[in-house]
């Protein structure tokens, strides 16, 4: 007991002395070396992290959620799911196509709660990734001929939310019954159902939206 007390006092004394010291090296910039080195050489698997949360106030059962999403996504090289804090999860994929499938084909849900997720880019902390919008495919109906260019479709996407991309399968078509674009929609705003389009002759028409 005496030894433990003496050790504690010694540590407290050292900590107090350090607190009064000014470290001149703290302002120097640290630059890691060999950033482009192959990670496999160090025995570390290359991975693609995604951070996400569910639109719910309820407790998410981690083990059950992992089983459900893994069975839906069926990632070729698997996925590791970790709870970083209540209702904030890290999804680590080990093949880029597994991650891309999850990001491109959503939105996904668990227990009727939508998953909002984003890739964690290099050099970014997971907790700093904004999770205020969800990417969705939207159908644009009743788009008149002459107003179906990629430029106009992008503008319509930005009217809905934030344009992400067009469905490349329909590229080059003269006219279609509906067009399909992917849009990032804010989770705290209702989805717009239609838009009044002012045409070149100053007449107007409705373009109707349908979420998928």
N, C-alpha and C. Protein backbone atom coordinates (compact mmCIF):
# COMPACT_ATOMS: atom_id res chain seq x y z
N UNK A 1 0.84 -1.21 0.00
CA UNK A 1 0.00 0.00 0.00
C UNK A 1 0.87 1.25 0.00
N UNK A 2 1.94 1.23 0.83
CA UNK A 2 2.86 2.36 0.90
C UNK A 2 3.55 2.56 -0.44
N UNK A 3 3.96 1.43 -1.07
CA UNK A 3 4.64 1.49 -2.36
C UNK A 3 3.73 2.09 -3.42
N UNK A 4 2.46 1.69 -3.40
CA UNK A 4 1.51 2.20 -4.37
C UNK A 4 1.30 3.70 -4.19
N UNK A 5 1.24 4.14 -2.92
CA UNK A 5 1.07 5.57 -2.64
C UNK A 5 2.26 6.37 -3.11
N UNK A 6 3.46 5.84 -2.86
CA UNK A 6 4.68 6.52 -3.29
C UNK A 6 4.74 6.65 -4.80
N UNK A 7 4.33 5.57 -5.51
CA UNK A 7 4.32 5.59 -6.98
C UNK A 7 3.34 6.64 -7.48
N UNK A 8 2.16 6.70 -6.85
CA UNK A 8 1.15 7.68 -7.25
C UNK A 8 1.67 9.10 -7.04
N UNK A 9 2.33 9.36 -5.93
CA UNK A 9 2.86 10.69 -5.63
C UNK A 9 3.94 11.07 -6.63
N UNK A 10 4.76 10.08 -7.03
CA UNK A 10 5.84 10.34 -7.98
C UNK A 10 5.26 10.73 -9.34
N UNK A 11 4.24 9.99 -9.77
CA UNK A 11 3.61 10.29 -11.05
C UNK A 11 2.95 11.66 -11.03
N UNK A 12 2.29 11.99 -9.91
CA UNK A 12 1.64 13.29 -9.77
C UNK A 12 2.66 14.41 -9.86
N UNK A 13 3.82 14.20 -9.20
CA UNK A 13 4.86 15.22 -9.23
C UNK A 13 5.43 15.44 -10.62
N UNK A 14 5.65 14.35 -11.35
CA UNK A 14 6.18 14.46 -12.72
C UNK A 14 5.18 15.17 -13.61
N UNK A 15 3.90 14.80 -13.48
CA UNK A 15 2.86 15.41 -14.30
C UNK A 15 2.76 16.90 -14.05
N UNK A 16 2.88 17.30 -12.79
CA UNK A 16 2.81 18.72 -12.43
C UNK A 16 3.98 19.48 -13.04
N UNK A 17 5.19 18.89 -13.00
CA UNK A 17 6.35 19.56 -13.58
C UNK A 17 6.20 19.69 -15.10
N UNK A 18 5.68 18.64 -15.75
CA UNK A 18 5.47 18.70 -17.20
C UNK A 18 4.47 19.78 -17.59
N UNK A 19 3.45 19.97 -16.72
CA UNK A 19 2.41 20.96 -17.02
C UNK A 19 2.97 22.36 -17.08
N UNK A 20 4.06 22.61 -16.34
CA UNK A 20 4.67 23.94 -16.30
C UNK A 20 5.71 24.14 -17.40
N UNK A 21 6.02 23.10 -18.13
CA UNK A 21 7.05 23.18 -19.16
C UNK A 21 6.43 23.61 -20.49
N UNK A 22 7.13 24.39 -21.24
CA UNK A 22 6.72 24.80 -22.57
C UNK A 22 7.49 23.95 -23.58
N UNK A 23 6.76 23.18 -24.37
CA UNK A 23 7.39 22.31 -25.35
C UNK A 23 7.56 23.07 -26.65
N UNK A 24 8.80 23.39 -26.99
CA UNK A 24 9.06 24.17 -28.18
C UNK A 24 8.75 23.40 -29.46
N UNK A 25 8.76 22.05 -29.38
CA UNK A 25 8.56 21.24 -30.58
C UNK A 25 7.09 21.08 -30.95
N UNK A 26 6.15 21.54 -30.11
CA UNK A 26 4.74 21.30 -30.38
C UNK A 26 4.26 21.99 -31.65
N UNK A 27 4.88 23.08 -32.04
CA UNK A 27 4.45 23.81 -33.22
C UNK A 27 5.07 23.28 -34.50
N UNK A 28 5.98 22.34 -34.39
CA UNK A 28 6.59 21.78 -35.58
C UNK A 28 5.62 20.82 -36.27
N UNK A 29 5.68 20.77 -37.57
CA UNK A 29 4.80 19.91 -38.36
C UNK A 29 5.40 18.52 -38.48
N UNK A 30 4.58 17.52 -38.16
CA UNK A 30 5.02 16.13 -38.30
C UNK A 30 4.50 15.59 -39.62
N UNK A 31 5.40 15.09 -40.45
CA UNK A 31 5.02 14.53 -41.74
C UNK A 31 5.44 13.07 -41.80
N UNK A 32 4.47 12.14 -41.80
CA UNK A 32 4.82 10.72 -41.88
C UNK A 32 5.53 10.42 -43.19
N UNK A 33 6.38 9.42 -43.16
CA UNK A 33 7.11 9.00 -44.35
C UNK A 33 6.48 7.74 -44.92
N UNK A 34 6.77 7.45 -46.18
CA UNK A 34 6.29 6.25 -46.85
C UNK A 34 4.77 6.16 -46.85
N UNK A 35 4.10 7.30 -47.11
CA UNK A 35 2.64 7.29 -47.14
C UNK A 35 2.10 6.45 -48.28
N UNK A 36 2.89 6.36 -49.35
CA UNK A 36 2.43 5.62 -50.52
C UNK A 36 2.91 4.18 -50.53
N UNK A 37 3.49 3.75 -49.44
CA UNK A 37 3.98 2.38 -49.37
C UNK A 37 2.81 1.40 -49.40
N UNK A 38 3.03 0.24 -49.97
CA UNK A 38 1.98 -0.78 -50.05
C UNK A 38 1.67 -1.32 -48.67
N UNK A 39 0.41 -1.19 -48.26
CA UNK A 39 0.04 -1.61 -46.91
C UNK A 39 0.12 -3.11 -46.76
N UNK A 40 -0.08 -3.84 -47.87
CA UNK A 40 -0.04 -5.30 -47.77
C UNK A 40 1.32 -5.78 -47.31
N UNK A 41 2.36 -5.00 -47.61
CA UNK A 41 3.69 -5.40 -47.20
C UNK A 41 3.85 -5.42 -45.70
N UNK A 42 3.02 -4.64 -45.00
CA UNK A 42 3.07 -4.61 -43.54
C UNK A 42 2.05 -5.55 -42.91
N UNK A 43 1.36 -6.32 -43.75
CA UNK A 43 0.37 -7.26 -43.24
C UNK A 43 -0.95 -6.60 -42.89
N UNK A 44 -1.18 -5.37 -43.40
CA UNK A 44 -2.42 -4.66 -43.11
C UNK A 44 -3.32 -4.73 -44.34
N UNK A 45 -4.56 -5.14 -44.15
CA UNK A 45 -5.50 -5.25 -45.26
C UNK A 45 -5.94 -3.87 -45.72
N UNK A 46 -6.01 -3.67 -47.03
CA UNK A 46 -6.55 -2.44 -47.56
C UNK A 46 -8.05 -2.42 -47.29
N UNK A 47 -8.58 -1.28 -46.90
CA UNK A 47 -9.99 -1.22 -46.51
C UNK A 47 -10.60 0.09 -46.95
N UNK A 48 -11.95 0.09 -46.99
CA UNK A 48 -12.72 1.26 -47.37
C UNK A 48 -13.77 1.51 -46.30
N UNK A 49 -13.57 2.49 -45.42
CA UNK A 49 -14.50 2.72 -44.31
C UNK A 49 -15.67 3.62 -44.70
N UNK A 50 -16.81 3.29 -44.13
CA UNK A 50 -18.04 4.08 -44.29
C UNK A 50 -18.61 4.31 -42.90
N UNK A 51 -19.04 5.53 -42.62
CA UNK A 51 -19.66 5.83 -41.33
C UNK A 51 -21.13 6.11 -41.57
N UNK A 52 -21.98 5.70 -40.62
CA UNK A 52 -23.41 5.88 -40.81
C UNK A 52 -24.19 5.91 -39.51
N UNK A 53 -25.41 6.38 -39.63
CA UNK A 53 -26.34 6.39 -38.49
C UNK A 53 -27.73 6.08 -39.02
N UNK A 54 -28.61 5.64 -38.12
CA UNK A 54 -29.98 5.34 -38.48
C UNK A 54 -30.90 6.46 -38.03
N UNK A 55 -31.91 6.73 -38.82
CA UNK A 55 -32.86 7.80 -38.49
C UNK A 55 -33.88 7.26 -37.49
N UNK A 56 -33.45 7.20 -36.26
CA UNK A 56 -34.30 6.69 -35.18
C UNK A 56 -33.76 7.17 -33.85
N UNK A 57 -34.63 7.25 -32.86
CA UNK A 57 -34.23 7.53 -31.48
C UNK A 57 -34.14 6.25 -30.66
N UNK A 58 -34.54 5.14 -31.28
CA UNK A 58 -34.51 3.87 -30.57
C UNK A 58 -33.10 3.28 -30.52
N UNK A 59 -32.88 2.40 -29.58
CA UNK A 59 -31.61 1.69 -29.48
C UNK A 59 -31.49 0.70 -30.63
N UNK A 60 -30.36 0.73 -31.33
CA UNK A 60 -30.11 -0.19 -32.42
C UNK A 60 -29.35 -1.40 -31.88
N UNK A 61 -29.91 -2.58 -32.10
CA UNK A 61 -29.28 -3.81 -31.63
C UNK A 61 -28.15 -4.18 -32.58
N UNK A 62 -26.92 -3.96 -32.13
CA UNK A 62 -25.75 -4.07 -32.99
C UNK A 62 -25.62 -5.45 -33.64
N UNK A 63 -25.68 -6.50 -32.85
CA UNK A 63 -25.46 -7.84 -33.39
C UNK A 63 -26.51 -8.21 -34.43
N UNK A 64 -27.75 -7.92 -34.15
CA UNK A 64 -28.82 -8.24 -35.09
C UNK A 64 -28.71 -7.39 -36.35
N UNK A 65 -28.38 -6.11 -36.19
CA UNK A 65 -28.21 -5.22 -37.33
C UNK A 65 -27.08 -5.70 -38.23
N UNK A 66 -25.99 -6.15 -37.64
CA UNK A 66 -24.85 -6.67 -38.42
C UNK A 66 -25.28 -7.86 -39.27
N UNK A 67 -26.04 -8.76 -38.68
CA UNK A 67 -26.48 -9.95 -39.39
C UNK A 67 -27.40 -9.59 -40.56
N UNK A 68 -28.33 -8.67 -40.31
CA UNK A 68 -29.31 -8.30 -41.33
C UNK A 68 -28.63 -7.61 -42.51
N UNK A 69 -27.80 -6.60 -42.23
CA UNK A 69 -27.18 -5.86 -43.32
C UNK A 69 -26.17 -6.71 -44.09
N UNK A 70 -25.42 -7.54 -43.39
CA UNK A 70 -24.46 -8.41 -44.08
C UNK A 70 -25.19 -9.38 -45.01
N UNK A 71 -26.37 -9.86 -44.59
CA UNK A 71 -27.13 -10.78 -45.44
C UNK A 71 -27.73 -10.07 -46.64
N UNK A 72 -28.01 -8.77 -46.53
CA UNK A 72 -28.56 -8.00 -47.64
C UNK A 72 -27.46 -7.58 -48.60
N UNK A 73 -26.36 -7.07 -48.06
CA UNK A 73 -25.28 -6.56 -48.90
C UNK A 73 -24.47 -7.68 -49.56
N UNK A 74 -24.28 -8.78 -48.82
CA UNK A 74 -23.48 -9.90 -49.31
C UNK A 74 -22.13 -9.44 -49.86
N UNK A 75 -21.33 -8.74 -49.07
CA UNK A 75 -20.03 -8.26 -49.56
C UNK A 75 -19.09 -9.43 -49.87
N UNK A 76 -18.40 -9.33 -51.00
CA UNK A 76 -17.53 -10.41 -51.45
C UNK A 76 -16.43 -10.70 -50.42
N UNK A 77 -15.87 -9.65 -49.85
CA UNK A 77 -14.78 -9.83 -48.89
C UNK A 77 -15.19 -9.48 -47.47
N UNK A 78 -16.48 -9.46 -47.22
CA UNK A 78 -16.97 -9.26 -45.87
C UNK A 78 -17.01 -7.79 -45.45
N UNK A 79 -17.58 -7.56 -44.30
CA UNK A 79 -17.67 -6.22 -43.73
C UNK A 79 -17.55 -6.33 -42.21
N UNK A 80 -16.83 -5.41 -41.62
CA UNK A 80 -16.72 -5.30 -40.17
C UNK A 80 -17.52 -4.09 -39.71
N UNK A 81 -18.41 -4.30 -38.74
CA UNK A 81 -19.27 -3.22 -38.27
C UNK A 81 -18.99 -2.96 -36.80
N UNK A 82 -18.69 -1.71 -36.46
CA UNK A 82 -18.35 -1.31 -35.10
C UNK A 82 -19.20 -0.12 -34.69
N UNK A 83 -19.67 -0.13 -33.46
CA UNK A 83 -20.42 1.01 -32.92
C UNK A 83 -19.43 1.98 -32.31
N UNK A 84 -19.32 3.17 -32.88
CA UNK A 84 -18.38 4.18 -32.39
C UNK A 84 -18.94 4.91 -31.18
N UNK A 85 -20.23 5.17 -31.22
CA UNK A 85 -20.97 5.79 -30.12
C UNK A 85 -22.44 5.48 -30.38
N UNK A 86 -23.33 5.78 -29.44
CA UNK A 86 -24.74 5.43 -29.67
C UNK A 86 -25.24 5.94 -31.02
N UNK A 87 -25.71 5.00 -31.84
CA UNK A 87 -26.26 5.28 -33.17
C UNK A 87 -25.26 5.94 -34.11
N UNK A 88 -24.00 5.58 -33.99
CA UNK A 88 -22.98 5.97 -34.97
C UNK A 88 -22.10 4.75 -35.20
N UNK A 89 -22.09 4.29 -36.45
CA UNK A 89 -21.45 3.01 -36.75
C UNK A 89 -20.41 3.16 -37.86
N UNK A 90 -19.37 2.33 -37.76
CA UNK A 90 -18.34 2.26 -38.80
C UNK A 90 -18.51 0.94 -39.54
N UNK A 91 -18.63 1.04 -40.87
CA UNK A 91 -18.73 -0.14 -41.73
C UNK A 91 -17.44 -0.21 -42.55
N UNK A 92 -16.63 -1.21 -42.30
CA UNK A 92 -15.35 -1.32 -42.99
C UNK A 92 -15.44 -2.43 -44.03
N UNK A 93 -15.23 -2.05 -45.29
CA UNK A 93 -15.26 -3.01 -46.39
C UNK A 93 -13.83 -3.28 -46.86
N UNK A 94 -13.63 -4.45 -47.45
CA UNK A 94 -12.28 -4.85 -47.86
C UNK A 94 -12.17 -5.02 -49.36
N UNK A 95 -13.15 -4.51 -50.08
CA UNK A 95 -13.07 -4.42 -51.53
C UNK A 95 -13.86 -3.19 -51.95
N UNK A 96 -13.31 -2.40 -52.86
CA UNK A 96 -13.92 -1.14 -53.22
C UNK A 96 -15.31 -1.33 -53.83
N UNK A 97 -15.52 -2.44 -54.57
CA UNK A 97 -16.84 -2.67 -55.17
C UNK A 97 -17.90 -2.95 -54.11
N UNK A 98 -17.52 -3.56 -53.00
CA UNK A 98 -18.47 -3.79 -51.90
C UNK A 98 -18.94 -2.46 -51.33
N UNK A 99 -17.98 -1.55 -51.10
CA UNK A 99 -18.35 -0.23 -50.58
C UNK A 99 -19.20 0.54 -51.59
N UNK A 100 -18.80 0.49 -52.87
CA UNK A 100 -19.50 1.24 -53.90
C UNK A 100 -20.93 0.76 -54.06
N UNK A 101 -21.15 -0.53 -53.92
CA UNK A 101 -22.50 -1.08 -54.02
C UNK A 101 -23.39 -0.51 -52.92
N UNK A 102 -22.87 -0.46 -51.71
CA UNK A 102 -23.66 0.05 -50.59
C UNK A 102 -23.98 1.53 -50.77
N UNK A 103 -23.01 2.31 -51.25
CA UNK A 103 -23.23 3.74 -51.43
C UNK A 103 -24.12 4.05 -52.62
N UNK A 104 -24.03 3.24 -53.68
CA UNK A 104 -24.76 3.55 -54.92
C UNK A 104 -26.17 3.00 -54.97
N UNK A 105 -26.44 1.93 -54.23
CA UNK A 105 -27.73 1.25 -54.37
C UNK A 105 -28.69 1.50 -53.22
N UNK A 106 -28.30 2.33 -52.26
CA UNK A 106 -29.18 2.63 -51.15
C UNK A 106 -30.30 3.57 -51.57
N UNK A 107 -31.12 4.06 -50.66
CA UNK A 107 -30.91 3.93 -49.22
C UNK A 107 -31.31 2.57 -48.67
N UNK A 108 -30.63 2.21 -47.57
CA UNK A 108 -30.88 0.94 -46.89
C UNK A 108 -31.58 1.24 -45.58
N UNK A 109 -32.21 0.22 -45.03
CA UNK A 109 -32.89 0.40 -43.75
C UNK A 109 -32.75 -0.85 -42.90
N UNK A 110 -32.89 -0.65 -41.62
CA UNK A 110 -32.91 -1.73 -40.64
C UNK A 110 -34.01 -1.44 -39.65
N UNK A 111 -34.88 -2.40 -39.44
CA UNK A 111 -35.99 -2.25 -38.49
C UNK A 111 -36.82 -1.00 -38.85
N UNK A 112 -37.03 -0.81 -40.18
CA UNK A 112 -37.81 0.30 -40.72
C UNK A 112 -37.18 1.67 -40.45
N UNK A 113 -35.87 1.68 -40.19
CA UNK A 113 -35.15 2.93 -39.96
C UNK A 113 -34.10 3.11 -41.05
N UNK A 114 -34.13 4.25 -41.73
CA UNK A 114 -33.23 4.51 -42.84
C UNK A 114 -31.80 4.72 -42.36
N UNK A 115 -30.86 4.14 -43.11
CA UNK A 115 -29.43 4.31 -42.82
C UNK A 115 -28.90 5.48 -43.63
N UNK A 116 -28.31 6.45 -42.96
CA UNK A 116 -27.62 7.56 -43.61
C UNK A 116 -26.13 7.28 -43.50
N UNK A 117 -25.45 7.15 -44.63
CA UNK A 117 -24.03 6.77 -44.58
C UNK A 117 -23.22 7.50 -45.63
N UNK A 118 -21.93 7.66 -45.35
CA UNK A 118 -20.99 8.32 -46.23
C UNK A 118 -19.62 7.66 -46.09
N UNK A 119 -18.86 7.69 -47.18
CA UNK A 119 -17.49 7.19 -47.12
C UNK A 119 -16.64 8.10 -46.25
N UNK A 120 -15.74 7.51 -45.49
CA UNK A 120 -14.78 8.29 -44.70
C UNK A 120 -13.52 8.43 -45.55
N UNK A 121 -13.28 9.64 -46.05
CA UNK A 121 -12.13 9.88 -46.91
C UNK A 121 -10.84 9.90 -46.10
N UNK A 122 -9.74 9.72 -46.80
CA UNK A 122 -8.42 9.69 -46.17
C UNK A 122 -8.15 11.00 -45.42
N UNK A 123 -7.69 10.89 -44.18
CA UNK A 123 -7.36 12.06 -43.38
C UNK A 123 -8.51 12.68 -42.63
N UNK A 124 -9.69 12.05 -42.68
CA UNK A 124 -10.89 12.61 -42.03
C UNK A 124 -11.28 11.74 -40.84
N UNK A 125 -11.69 12.35 -39.75
CA UNK A 125 -12.20 11.62 -38.60
C UNK A 125 -13.64 11.20 -38.87
N UNK A 126 -14.02 9.97 -38.51
CA UNK A 126 -15.39 9.51 -38.76
C UNK A 126 -16.45 10.42 -38.17
N UNK A 127 -16.18 10.96 -36.99
CA UNK A 127 -17.16 11.82 -36.34
C UNK A 127 -17.35 13.17 -37.02
N UNK A 128 -16.44 13.52 -37.95
CA UNK A 128 -16.53 14.80 -38.64
C UNK A 128 -17.27 14.68 -39.98
N UNK A 129 -17.66 13.47 -40.37
CA UNK A 129 -18.37 13.28 -41.63
C UNK A 129 -19.83 13.71 -41.46
N UNK A 130 -20.32 14.67 -42.24
CA UNK A 130 -21.73 15.10 -42.10
C UNK A 130 -22.69 14.00 -42.53
N UNK A 131 -23.65 13.71 -41.68
CA UNK A 131 -24.66 12.68 -41.97
C UNK A 131 -26.05 13.32 -41.92
N UNK A 132 -26.23 14.34 -42.75
CA UNK A 132 -27.49 15.07 -42.75
C UNK A 132 -28.29 14.88 -44.03
N UNK A 133 -27.80 14.03 -44.93
CA UNK A 133 -28.52 13.79 -46.18
C UNK A 133 -28.38 12.33 -46.58
N UNK A 134 -29.33 11.88 -47.38
CA UNK A 134 -29.33 10.50 -47.84
C UNK A 134 -29.46 10.51 -49.36
N UNK A 135 -28.65 9.68 -50.03
CA UNK A 135 -28.70 9.59 -51.48
C UNK A 135 -29.84 8.67 -51.91
N UNK A 136 -30.65 9.15 -52.86
CA UNK A 136 -31.78 8.37 -53.34
C UNK A 136 -31.88 8.49 -54.85
N UNK A 137 -32.38 7.42 -55.49
CA UNK A 137 -32.73 7.48 -56.90
C UNK A 137 -34.13 8.09 -57.01
N UNK A 138 -34.25 9.07 -57.89
CA UNK A 138 -35.53 9.72 -58.11
C UNK A 138 -35.93 9.58 -59.58
N UNK A 139 -37.21 9.29 -59.82
CA UNK A 139 -37.73 9.27 -61.18
C UNK A 139 -38.34 10.64 -61.50
N UNK A 140 -38.01 11.13 -62.71
CA UNK A 140 -38.57 12.40 -63.18
C UNK A 140 -39.57 12.07 -64.28
N UNK A 141 -40.83 12.34 -64.04
CA UNK A 141 -41.89 12.03 -64.99
C UNK A 141 -42.39 13.30 -65.68
N UNK A 142 -42.86 13.11 -66.91
CA UNK A 142 -43.47 14.20 -67.68
C UNK A 142 -42.47 15.29 -68.06
N UNK A 143 -41.22 14.87 -68.32
CA UNK A 143 -40.20 15.82 -68.78
C UNK A 143 -40.39 16.02 -70.29
N UNK A 144 -40.67 17.23 -70.75
CA UNK A 144 -40.95 17.44 -72.18
C UNK A 144 -39.70 17.31 -73.04
N UNK A 145 -39.90 17.00 -74.30
CA UNK A 145 -38.80 16.92 -75.25
C UNK A 145 -38.11 18.28 -75.35
N UNK A 146 -36.78 18.23 -75.41
CA UNK A 146 -36.01 19.47 -75.44
C UNK A 146 -35.52 19.91 -74.08
N UNK A 147 -35.93 19.18 -73.03
CA UNK A 147 -35.55 19.53 -71.65
C UNK A 147 -34.96 18.33 -70.93
N UNK A 148 -34.31 17.45 -71.69
CA UNK A 148 -33.81 16.20 -71.11
C UNK A 148 -32.28 16.09 -71.17
N UNK A 149 -31.59 17.18 -71.44
CA UNK A 149 -30.13 17.14 -71.48
C UNK A 149 -29.58 16.90 -70.08
N UNK A 150 -28.34 16.42 -70.02
CA UNK A 150 -27.70 16.16 -68.73
C UNK A 150 -27.58 17.44 -67.91
N UNK A 151 -27.42 18.57 -68.59
CA UNK A 151 -27.31 19.85 -67.88
C UNK A 151 -28.62 20.19 -67.17
N UNK A 152 -29.74 20.03 -67.88
CA UNK A 152 -31.04 20.33 -67.28
C UNK A 152 -31.39 19.31 -66.19
N UNK A 153 -31.09 18.04 -66.43
CA UNK A 153 -31.36 17.03 -65.41
C UNK A 153 -30.57 17.32 -64.13
N UNK A 154 -29.34 17.80 -64.28
CA UNK A 154 -28.54 18.17 -63.10
C UNK A 154 -29.19 19.33 -62.36
N UNK A 155 -29.70 20.30 -63.10
CA UNK A 155 -30.37 21.44 -62.46
C UNK A 155 -31.63 20.99 -61.72
N UNK A 156 -32.36 20.06 -62.31
CA UNK A 156 -33.54 19.52 -61.62
C UNK A 156 -33.12 18.81 -60.34
N UNK A 157 -32.00 18.05 -60.42
CA UNK A 157 -31.49 17.37 -59.23
C UNK A 157 -31.13 18.34 -58.12
N UNK A 158 -30.54 19.48 -58.49
CA UNK A 158 -30.19 20.49 -57.48
C UNK A 158 -31.43 21.20 -56.94
N UNK A 159 -32.52 21.21 -57.71
CA UNK A 159 -33.79 21.74 -57.20
C UNK A 159 -34.34 20.80 -56.12
N UNK A 160 -34.18 19.50 -56.36
CA UNK A 160 -34.65 18.51 -55.39
C UNK A 160 -33.80 18.48 -54.14
N UNK A 161 -32.49 18.59 -54.33
CA UNK A 161 -31.53 18.50 -53.22
C UNK A 161 -30.16 18.87 -53.73
N UNK A 162 -29.27 17.87 -53.76
CA UNK A 162 -27.95 18.05 -54.35
C UNK A 162 -27.72 16.94 -55.36
N UNK A 163 -27.59 17.31 -56.62
CA UNK A 163 -27.42 16.33 -57.69
C UNK A 163 -26.18 15.49 -57.46
N UNK A 164 -26.30 14.16 -57.67
CA UNK A 164 -25.17 13.24 -57.55
C UNK A 164 -24.76 12.73 -58.93
N UNK A 165 -25.70 12.12 -59.66
CA UNK A 165 -25.39 11.61 -60.99
C UNK A 165 -26.67 11.20 -61.69
N UNK A 166 -26.55 11.01 -63.03
CA UNK A 166 -27.65 10.47 -63.82
C UNK A 166 -27.48 8.96 -63.95
N UNK A 167 -28.56 8.29 -64.29
CA UNK A 167 -28.50 6.87 -64.57
C UNK A 167 -27.88 6.70 -65.96
N UNK A 168 -26.66 6.16 -66.01
CA UNK A 168 -25.92 6.06 -67.26
C UNK A 168 -26.57 5.10 -68.25
N UNK A 169 -27.46 4.24 -67.79
CA UNK A 169 -28.09 3.29 -68.70
C UNK A 169 -28.99 3.98 -69.72
N UNK A 170 -29.43 5.19 -69.40
CA UNK A 170 -30.33 5.91 -70.30
C UNK A 170 -29.62 7.00 -71.09
N UNK A 171 -28.30 7.04 -71.01
CA UNK A 171 -27.55 8.10 -71.68
C UNK A 171 -27.74 8.01 -73.20
N UNK A 172 -27.98 9.15 -73.82
CA UNK A 172 -28.11 9.21 -75.27
C UNK A 172 -29.51 8.99 -75.80
N UNK A 173 -30.45 8.64 -74.93
CA UNK A 173 -31.83 8.44 -75.38
C UNK A 173 -32.47 9.78 -75.74
N UNK A 174 -33.22 9.78 -76.84
CA UNK A 174 -33.88 11.01 -77.30
C UNK A 174 -34.96 11.45 -76.32
N UNK A 175 -35.77 10.50 -75.87
CA UNK A 175 -36.83 10.81 -74.91
C UNK A 175 -37.27 9.51 -74.24
N UNK A 176 -37.62 9.59 -72.96
CA UNK A 176 -38.04 8.42 -72.20
C UNK A 176 -39.31 8.76 -71.41
N UNK A 177 -40.03 7.72 -71.01
CA UNK A 177 -41.21 7.94 -70.18
C UNK A 177 -40.84 8.64 -68.87
N UNK A 178 -39.69 8.29 -68.32
CA UNK A 178 -39.18 8.96 -67.13
C UNK A 178 -37.66 8.89 -67.14
N UNK A 179 -37.05 9.80 -66.39
CA UNK A 179 -35.60 9.84 -66.26
C UNK A 179 -35.25 9.55 -64.81
N UNK A 180 -34.06 9.00 -64.64
CA UNK A 180 -33.65 8.54 -63.31
C UNK A 180 -32.35 9.25 -62.92
N UNK A 181 -32.39 9.97 -61.80
CA UNK A 181 -31.21 10.65 -61.30
C UNK A 181 -31.03 10.33 -59.81
N UNK A 182 -29.79 10.43 -59.36
CA UNK A 182 -29.50 10.20 -57.94
C UNK A 182 -29.25 11.55 -57.29
N UNK A 183 -29.92 11.76 -56.15
CA UNK A 183 -29.90 13.06 -55.49
C UNK A 183 -29.66 12.86 -54.00
N UNK A 184 -28.86 13.75 -53.41
CA UNK A 184 -28.68 13.77 -51.96
C UNK A 184 -29.77 14.66 -51.36
N UNK A 185 -30.63 14.07 -50.55
CA UNK A 185 -31.77 14.78 -49.97
C UNK A 185 -31.55 15.00 -48.47
N UNK A 186 -31.78 16.21 -48.00
CA UNK A 186 -31.66 16.49 -46.58
C UNK A 186 -32.70 15.71 -45.80
N UNK A 187 -32.27 15.09 -44.69
CA UNK A 187 -33.17 14.21 -43.94
C UNK A 187 -34.20 15.00 -43.14
N UNK A 188 -33.96 16.27 -42.93
CA UNK A 188 -34.90 17.07 -42.12
C UNK A 188 -35.87 17.88 -42.97
N UNK A 189 -35.93 17.58 -44.28
CA UNK A 189 -36.87 18.28 -45.15
C UNK A 189 -37.69 17.26 -45.93
N UNK A 190 -38.97 17.56 -46.18
CA UNK A 190 -39.80 16.64 -46.96
C UNK A 190 -39.34 16.59 -48.42
N UNK A 191 -39.62 15.47 -49.08
CA UNK A 191 -39.25 15.31 -50.49
C UNK A 191 -40.24 16.07 -51.36
N UNK A 192 -39.72 16.89 -52.26
CA UNK A 192 -40.59 17.60 -53.19
C UNK A 192 -41.24 16.60 -54.14
N UNK A 193 -42.49 16.82 -54.46
CA UNK A 193 -43.25 15.90 -55.30
C UNK A 193 -43.37 16.36 -56.74
N UNK A 194 -43.18 17.63 -57.00
CA UNK A 194 -43.27 18.12 -58.37
C UNK A 194 -42.59 19.48 -58.48
N UNK A 195 -42.40 19.92 -59.73
CA UNK A 195 -41.73 21.17 -60.00
C UNK A 195 -42.39 21.84 -61.20
N UNK A 196 -42.64 23.13 -61.12
CA UNK A 196 -43.21 23.86 -62.24
C UNK A 196 -42.07 24.31 -63.16
N UNK A 197 -42.08 23.82 -64.40
CA UNK A 197 -41.03 24.12 -65.37
C UNK A 197 -41.50 25.21 -66.33
N UNK A 198 -40.74 26.29 -66.39
CA UNK A 198 -41.03 27.36 -67.33
C UNK A 198 -40.31 27.06 -68.64
N UNK A 199 -41.08 26.91 -69.70
CA UNK A 199 -40.50 26.55 -70.99
C UNK A 199 -40.07 27.78 -71.79
N UNK A 200 -39.39 27.54 -72.90
CA UNK A 200 -38.82 28.63 -73.69
C UNK A 200 -39.89 29.56 -74.25
N UNK A 201 -41.06 29.04 -74.52
CA UNK A 201 -42.15 29.89 -75.07
C UNK A 201 -42.93 30.58 -73.97
N UNK A 202 -42.42 30.51 -72.72
CA UNK A 202 -42.99 31.15 -71.53
C UNK A 202 -44.22 30.43 -71.00
N UNK A 203 -44.62 29.32 -71.61
CA UNK A 203 -45.65 28.48 -71.01
C UNK A 203 -44.97 27.59 -69.96
N UNK A 204 -45.76 26.87 -69.18
CA UNK A 204 -45.16 26.04 -68.14
C UNK A 204 -45.86 24.71 -68.06
N UNK A 205 -45.18 23.75 -67.39
CA UNK A 205 -45.75 22.42 -67.19
C UNK A 205 -45.20 21.89 -65.86
N UNK A 206 -45.83 20.82 -65.39
CA UNK A 206 -45.39 20.17 -64.15
C UNK A 206 -44.46 19.00 -64.49
N UNK A 207 -43.34 18.91 -63.78
CA UNK A 207 -42.50 17.70 -63.78
C UNK A 207 -42.72 17.03 -62.45
N UNK A 208 -43.12 15.77 -62.49
CA UNK A 208 -43.46 15.03 -61.27
C UNK A 208 -42.32 14.13 -60.84
N UNK A 209 -42.12 14.03 -59.52
CA UNK A 209 -41.03 13.24 -58.95
C UNK A 209 -41.59 12.02 -58.23
N UNK A 210 -40.85 10.94 -58.33
CA UNK A 210 -41.21 9.73 -57.61
C UNK A 210 -39.95 9.11 -57.02
N UNK A 211 -39.94 8.91 -55.71
CA UNK A 211 -38.77 8.32 -55.05
C UNK A 211 -38.77 6.82 -55.27
N UNK A 212 -37.58 6.23 -55.22
CA UNK A 212 -37.44 4.79 -55.47
C UNK A 212 -36.79 4.11 -54.27
